[in-house]
Protein backbone atom coordinates (compact mmCIF):
# COMPACT_ATOMS: atom_id res chain seq x y z
CA MET A 1 -5.78 18.56 9.71
CA ILE A 2 -5.24 14.84 9.01
CA SER A 3 -7.42 12.72 6.83
CA VAL A 4 -7.44 9.15 7.83
CA VAL A 5 -8.14 6.74 5.00
CA ILE A 6 -9.06 3.09 5.37
CA PRO A 7 -10.11 0.79 2.70
CA ASN A 8 -12.42 -2.05 3.86
CA TYR A 9 -13.58 -5.25 2.50
CA ASN A 10 -15.48 -7.73 5.01
CA GLY A 11 -13.38 -6.09 7.88
CA ARG A 12 -16.02 -5.75 10.50
CA ILE A 13 -13.95 -7.81 13.19
CA LEU A 14 -10.91 -5.98 12.34
CA LEU A 15 -12.58 -2.62 12.45
CA GLU A 16 -13.99 -3.30 15.89
CA ARG A 17 -10.74 -4.57 17.10
CA TYR A 18 -8.37 -1.77 15.85
CA LEU A 19 -10.35 1.46 15.29
CA PRO A 20 -10.05 2.43 19.10
CA SER A 21 -6.23 2.38 18.65
CA VAL A 22 -6.48 4.81 15.73
CA PHE A 23 -8.79 7.28 17.64
CA ASP A 24 -6.50 7.04 20.69
CA ALA A 25 -3.53 7.96 18.51
CA LEU A 26 -5.44 10.84 17.00
CA ALA A 27 -6.36 12.08 20.46
CA TYR A 28 -2.64 11.90 21.69
CA ALA A 29 -1.61 13.79 18.39
CA ALA A 30 -3.99 16.63 19.56
CA CYS A 31 -4.70 17.35 15.85
CA LYS A 32 -7.90 18.10 13.86
CA PHE A 33 -8.92 15.19 11.67
CA GLU A 34 -11.45 13.77 9.30
CA PHE A 35 -12.07 9.97 9.02
CA ILE A 36 -12.88 8.20 5.77
CA VAL A 37 -13.57 4.46 5.36
CA ILE A 38 -14.17 3.38 1.80
CA ASP A 39 -16.12 0.15 1.61
CA ASP A 40 -15.31 -2.10 -1.43
CA CYS A 41 -18.66 -3.79 -1.65
CA SER A 42 -18.39 -5.82 1.67
CA THR A 43 -20.84 -8.55 2.15
CA ASP A 44 -20.48 -8.62 5.94
CA ASP A 45 -22.06 -5.84 8.24
CA SER A 46 -19.02 -3.61 8.14
CA VAL A 47 -21.07 -0.43 7.19
CA GLN A 48 -23.89 -1.09 9.63
CA PHE A 49 -21.13 -1.43 12.32
CA LEU A 50 -19.56 1.87 11.37
CA GLN A 51 -22.82 3.67 11.07
CA GLN A 52 -23.91 2.52 14.60
CA GLN A 53 -20.69 2.77 16.34
CA TYR A 54 -18.72 5.57 14.59
CA PRO A 55 -21.17 8.03 13.11
CA GLN A 56 -18.36 10.59 12.71
CA ILE A 57 -16.65 8.39 10.05
CA ASN A 58 -17.50 9.41 6.34
CA ILE A 59 -18.41 6.17 4.63
CA LEU A 60 -17.75 5.90 0.73
CA LYS A 61 -19.45 2.88 -0.60
CA ASN A 62 -18.00 1.44 -3.90
CA PRO A 63 -20.69 0.31 -6.31
CA SER A 64 -18.70 -2.95 -7.04
CA ASN A 65 -15.61 -4.62 -5.74
CA ILE A 66 -12.62 -2.68 -7.31
CA GLY A 67 -9.54 -3.64 -5.20
CA PHE A 68 -7.18 -1.81 -3.04
CA SER A 69 -5.67 0.81 -5.24
CA LYS A 70 -8.93 2.20 -6.78
CA THR A 71 -10.67 1.90 -3.21
CA CYS A 72 -7.92 3.84 -1.59
CA ASN A 73 -7.60 6.60 -4.41
CA ARG A 74 -11.34 7.42 -3.62
CA GLY A 75 -10.27 8.32 -0.16
CA ILE A 76 -7.20 10.05 -1.26
CA MET A 77 -8.79 12.34 -3.77
CA THR A 78 -11.60 13.07 -1.40
CA ALA A 79 -9.45 14.02 1.59
CA LYS A 80 -9.20 17.54 2.60
CA GLY A 81 -6.39 17.40 5.37
CA GLN A 82 -2.91 18.66 4.86
CA LYS A 83 -1.78 14.96 5.52
CA ILE A 84 -3.27 11.61 4.63
CA LEU A 85 -2.86 8.79 6.96
CA VAL A 86 -3.40 5.55 4.79
CA LEU A 87 -4.07 2.48 6.99
CA ASN A 88 -5.08 -1.08 6.48
CA SER A 89 -7.97 -2.25 8.53
CA ASP A 90 -5.72 -4.78 10.23
CA ILE A 91 -3.33 -2.07 11.67
CA LYS A 92 -3.20 -1.31 15.51
CA LEU A 93 -1.36 1.85 16.18
CA THR A 94 0.52 2.68 19.32
CA ARG A 95 -0.46 5.90 21.03
CA THR A 96 2.31 7.85 19.85
CA TYR A 97 2.49 6.84 16.20
CA ILE A 98 0.61 9.65 14.56
CA ARG A 99 2.39 12.22 16.60
CA GLN A 100 5.81 10.75 15.65
CA CYS A 101 4.92 10.83 12.06
CA LEU A 102 3.76 14.20 12.19
CA ASP A 103 6.87 15.55 13.89
CA ALA A 104 9.07 13.98 11.08
CA PHE A 105 7.34 16.15 8.60
CA GLY A 106 9.81 19.03 8.93
CA LYS A 107 10.72 19.62 5.19
CA ALA A 108 8.81 20.95 2.40
CA ASP A 109 10.06 18.11 0.04
CA THR A 110 8.79 15.33 2.35
CA PHE A 111 6.47 12.90 0.57
CA ALA A 112 5.75 10.46 3.30
CA VAL A 113 6.64 9.09 6.65
CA MET A 114 6.19 5.57 7.90
CA GLY A 115 6.66 3.81 11.31
CA LYS A 116 7.73 0.20 11.82
CA ALA A 117 5.03 -2.38 11.50
CA ILE A 118 5.63 -5.38 13.65
CA ASP A 119 4.07 -8.49 12.29
CA GLU A 120 4.72 -12.31 11.89
CA SER A 121 6.58 -12.13 8.57
CA ALA A 122 9.95 -13.73 8.02
CA HIS A 123 11.54 -10.43 6.92
CA PRO A 124 9.78 -7.37 8.45
CA GLN A 125 11.02 -4.03 7.48
CA THR A 126 13.46 -2.82 10.04
CA THR A 127 15.43 -0.11 8.14
CA GLY A 128 14.87 2.31 5.27
CA ILE A 129 15.01 0.90 1.80
CA PHE A 130 16.44 2.23 -1.31
CA PHE A 131 15.56 1.48 -4.88
CA LYS A 132 18.10 0.94 -7.70
CA ARG A 133 17.17 0.90 -11.19
CA THR A 134 18.57 -1.90 -13.40
CA ILE A 135 18.24 -2.66 -17.05
CA PHE A 136 15.53 -5.26 -16.27
CA GLY A 137 13.86 -3.91 -13.18
CA ILE A 138 14.26 -2.54 -9.56
CA LYS A 139 16.42 -3.74 -6.85
CA LYS A 140 15.81 -3.05 -3.19
CA TYR A 141 18.63 -2.30 -0.63
CA PRO A 142 18.55 -1.53 3.02
CA ASN A 143 19.58 1.88 4.24
CA TYR A 144 21.24 1.44 7.58
CA SER A 145 22.96 4.90 7.65
CA SER A 146 19.87 7.01 8.14
CA ASN A 147 16.05 6.85 8.37
CA GLU A 148 15.54 7.95 4.66
CA THR A 149 13.67 5.38 2.47
CA HIS A 150 12.54 5.15 -1.02
CA PHE A 151 9.71 2.53 -0.26
CA VAL A 152 6.74 3.34 2.04
CA SER A 153 3.88 0.86 2.64
CA GLY A 154 0.28 1.30 1.76
CA ALA A 155 -0.73 0.02 5.00
CA ASN A 156 0.63 2.48 7.63
CA THR A 157 2.04 5.64 6.08
CA LEU A 158 1.42 9.36 6.47
CA PHE A 159 1.53 11.14 3.17
CA ASP A 160 1.57 14.80 2.14
CA THR A 161 -1.83 15.22 0.70
CA LYS A 162 -0.90 17.63 -2.26
CA LYS A 163 2.04 15.23 -3.42
CA ILE A 164 0.06 11.96 -3.24
CA GLN A 165 -2.83 13.68 -5.02
CA GLU A 166 -0.60 15.25 -7.67
CA ILE A 167 0.76 11.89 -8.78
CA GLY A 168 -2.63 10.10 -8.84
CA GLY A 169 -2.51 8.03 -5.81
CA PHE A 170 -2.01 4.31 -6.41
CA ASN A 171 -1.77 2.82 -9.92
CA PRO A 172 -4.92 0.80 -10.57
CA ILE A 173 -3.11 -1.42 -12.87
CA PHE A 174 -1.93 -3.28 -9.71
CA SER A 175 -5.47 -3.96 -8.52
CA PRO A 176 -6.53 -6.01 -6.72
CA TYR A 177 -3.42 -6.01 -4.50
CA TYR A 178 0.39 -6.07 -4.34
CA PHE A 179 3.20 -3.80 -5.63
CA GLU A 180 0.88 -0.64 -5.81
CA ASP A 181 2.92 0.88 -2.98
CA ASP A 182 6.20 -0.03 -4.49
CA ASP A 183 5.14 1.76 -7.63
CA LEU A 184 3.73 4.79 -5.70
CA SER A 185 7.07 5.08 -3.72
CA PHE A 186 9.21 4.80 -6.83
CA ARG A 187 7.30 7.49 -8.63
CA ALA A 188 7.62 9.71 -5.68
CA MET A 189 11.26 9.11 -5.61
CA LEU A 190 11.59 10.13 -9.24
CA ARG A 191 9.84 13.43 -8.44
CA GLY A 192 12.87 13.91 -5.98
CA TRP A 193 10.55 13.87 -2.97
CA LYS A 194 11.93 12.37 0.33
CA SER A 195 10.34 9.75 2.43
CA TYR A 196 11.36 8.59 5.98
CA PHE A 197 11.18 5.32 8.08
CA LEU A 198 10.82 5.75 11.78
CA GLU A 199 11.97 2.75 13.52
CA ASP A 200 10.74 3.93 16.96
CA ALA A 201 7.17 4.66 15.64
CA ILE A 202 5.50 1.25 16.34
CA CYS A 203 2.30 -0.23 14.93
CA TYR A 204 1.09 -3.77 14.79
CA HIS A 205 0.09 -5.50 11.43
CA LEU A 206 -1.94 -8.61 11.48
CA GLY A 207 -1.15 -9.02 7.78
CA SER A 208 -3.24 -9.68 4.61
CA SER A 209 -6.03 -11.30 6.56
CA THR A 210 -8.57 -9.80 3.85
CA ILE A 211 -6.74 -11.26 0.99
CA LYS A 212 -6.24 -14.77 2.54
CA SER A 213 -9.89 -14.84 3.54
CA SER A 214 -11.22 -14.13 -0.04
CA ALA A 215 -8.88 -15.71 -2.36
CA ARG A 216 -7.14 -18.99 -2.89
CA LYS A 217 -3.25 -19.22 -2.37
CA ARG A 218 -2.75 -19.99 -6.04
CA ARG A 219 -4.74 -16.99 -7.02
CA ILE A 220 -2.75 -14.85 -4.68
CA LYS A 221 0.67 -16.22 -6.25
CA ARG A 222 -0.67 -15.38 -9.74
CA VAL A 223 -1.65 -11.88 -8.89
CA TYR A 224 1.61 -11.26 -6.88
CA PHE A 225 3.98 -12.32 -9.70
CA ARG A 226 1.84 -10.68 -12.43
CA ASN A 227 2.20 -7.43 -10.44
CA LYS A 228 5.83 -7.96 -9.84
CA ILE A 229 6.48 -8.22 -13.49
CA ILE A 230 4.39 -5.20 -14.27
CA PHE A 231 6.18 -3.09 -11.75
CA ASN A 232 9.62 -4.04 -13.10
CA ARG A 233 8.44 -3.50 -16.74
CA LEU A 234 7.14 -0.10 -16.01
CA HIS A 235 10.35 1.10 -14.24
CA SER A 236 13.00 -0.87 -15.96
CA GLN A 237 15.50 0.62 -18.56
CA SER A 238 15.20 -2.02 -21.10
CA SER A 239 12.88 -2.17 -24.27
CA THR A 240 9.68 -3.95 -23.78
CA PRO A 241 10.53 -6.89 -26.26
CA LEU A 242 13.87 -7.41 -24.47
CA PHE A 243 12.26 -7.29 -21.06
CA ASN A 244 9.60 -9.92 -22.05
CA ILE A 245 12.25 -12.26 -23.43
CA LYS A 246 14.28 -12.00 -20.28
CA SER A 247 11.20 -12.46 -17.99
CA LEU A 248 10.01 -15.46 -20.17
CA ALA A 249 13.53 -17.15 -20.14
CA ILE A 250 14.75 -16.46 -16.64
CA ASN A 251 11.49 -16.14 -14.64
CA VAL A 252 8.54 -17.91 -16.19
CA LEU A 253 9.65 -20.93 -17.93
CA PRO A 254 12.04 -22.30 -15.12
CA LYS A 255 8.93 -22.17 -12.74
CA CYS A 256 6.73 -23.73 -15.38
CA CYS A 257 9.25 -26.66 -15.72
CA ALA A 258 9.24 -27.11 -11.94
CA GLY A 259 5.39 -27.47 -12.08
CA LYS A 260 4.43 -23.99 -11.05
CA PHE A 261 2.06 -23.52 -13.97
CA TRP A 262 0.30 -20.46 -12.38
CA MET A 263 3.35 -18.48 -13.41
CA TRP A 264 2.36 -18.81 -16.97
CA SER A 265 -0.81 -17.46 -16.05
CA SER A 266 0.90 -14.45 -14.26
CA TYR A 267 2.81 -13.83 -17.40
CA THR A 268 -0.10 -13.78 -19.73
CA ASP A 269 -1.98 -11.65 -17.39
CA TYR A 270 0.89 -9.24 -17.37
CA LEU A 271 1.03 -9.14 -21.23
CA SER A 272 -2.85 -8.59 -21.38
CA LEU A 273 -2.89 -5.78 -18.89
CA THR A 274 0.19 -4.00 -20.41
CA GLU A 275 -1.11 -4.19 -23.93
CA GLN A 276 -4.25 -2.34 -22.78
CA ARG A 277 -2.11 0.70 -21.80
């Protein structure tokens, strides 16, 4: 059985547009499934729409807005299927997507399988990606030789349920968004689990529509770079003081000198969050 997990925040229009493609892919895959939507305190009529149009969907309602990581984790920890398909509400699946991902789960050490998301970004993922740990952080390199990948997205990936539950799902320190999937992927890689990128399994990603509709661009940048610093700090090989000095000198101060003062806020947010751990 597959558990489909979709976090939702004010995504009524997206759910109406893209849920039919998910059900069509499930029908083509000919597998048993449960469907879980976790609503992150939406102010639109998302919940009412789902209750009326999709009564078979199990709706979990957050009492307050807690962001992507914690919202997804509610669904992940509730799921009862052997596999969990984590999807963004702005993903449109092709009919064969789920079947192709399931067929790639042939080995006991497989953590996740992800298809190719076609979107309008400047550099969409078209290969597997390998991580390399350095003194001050994590570098990414494309893997052209096979479909193995270290990185899998939180937007369109099929996970082994036991494995993703075992490592606790997404790290909530990255709430409300960005780098939670990098961190999850890296932790799975450290366990020795394998993940795979399928170039022929296609879906379509509208891309960050929920974030753009609910936060200003400056806020998005502030969160993005805060979480980038956190991700590299958690998995770098340097001491915390040395890492902080390097980040301040190489990344933060030059941007501030260029008038990008939100970078200082990103850095102080990072210090505040990591000191609480």
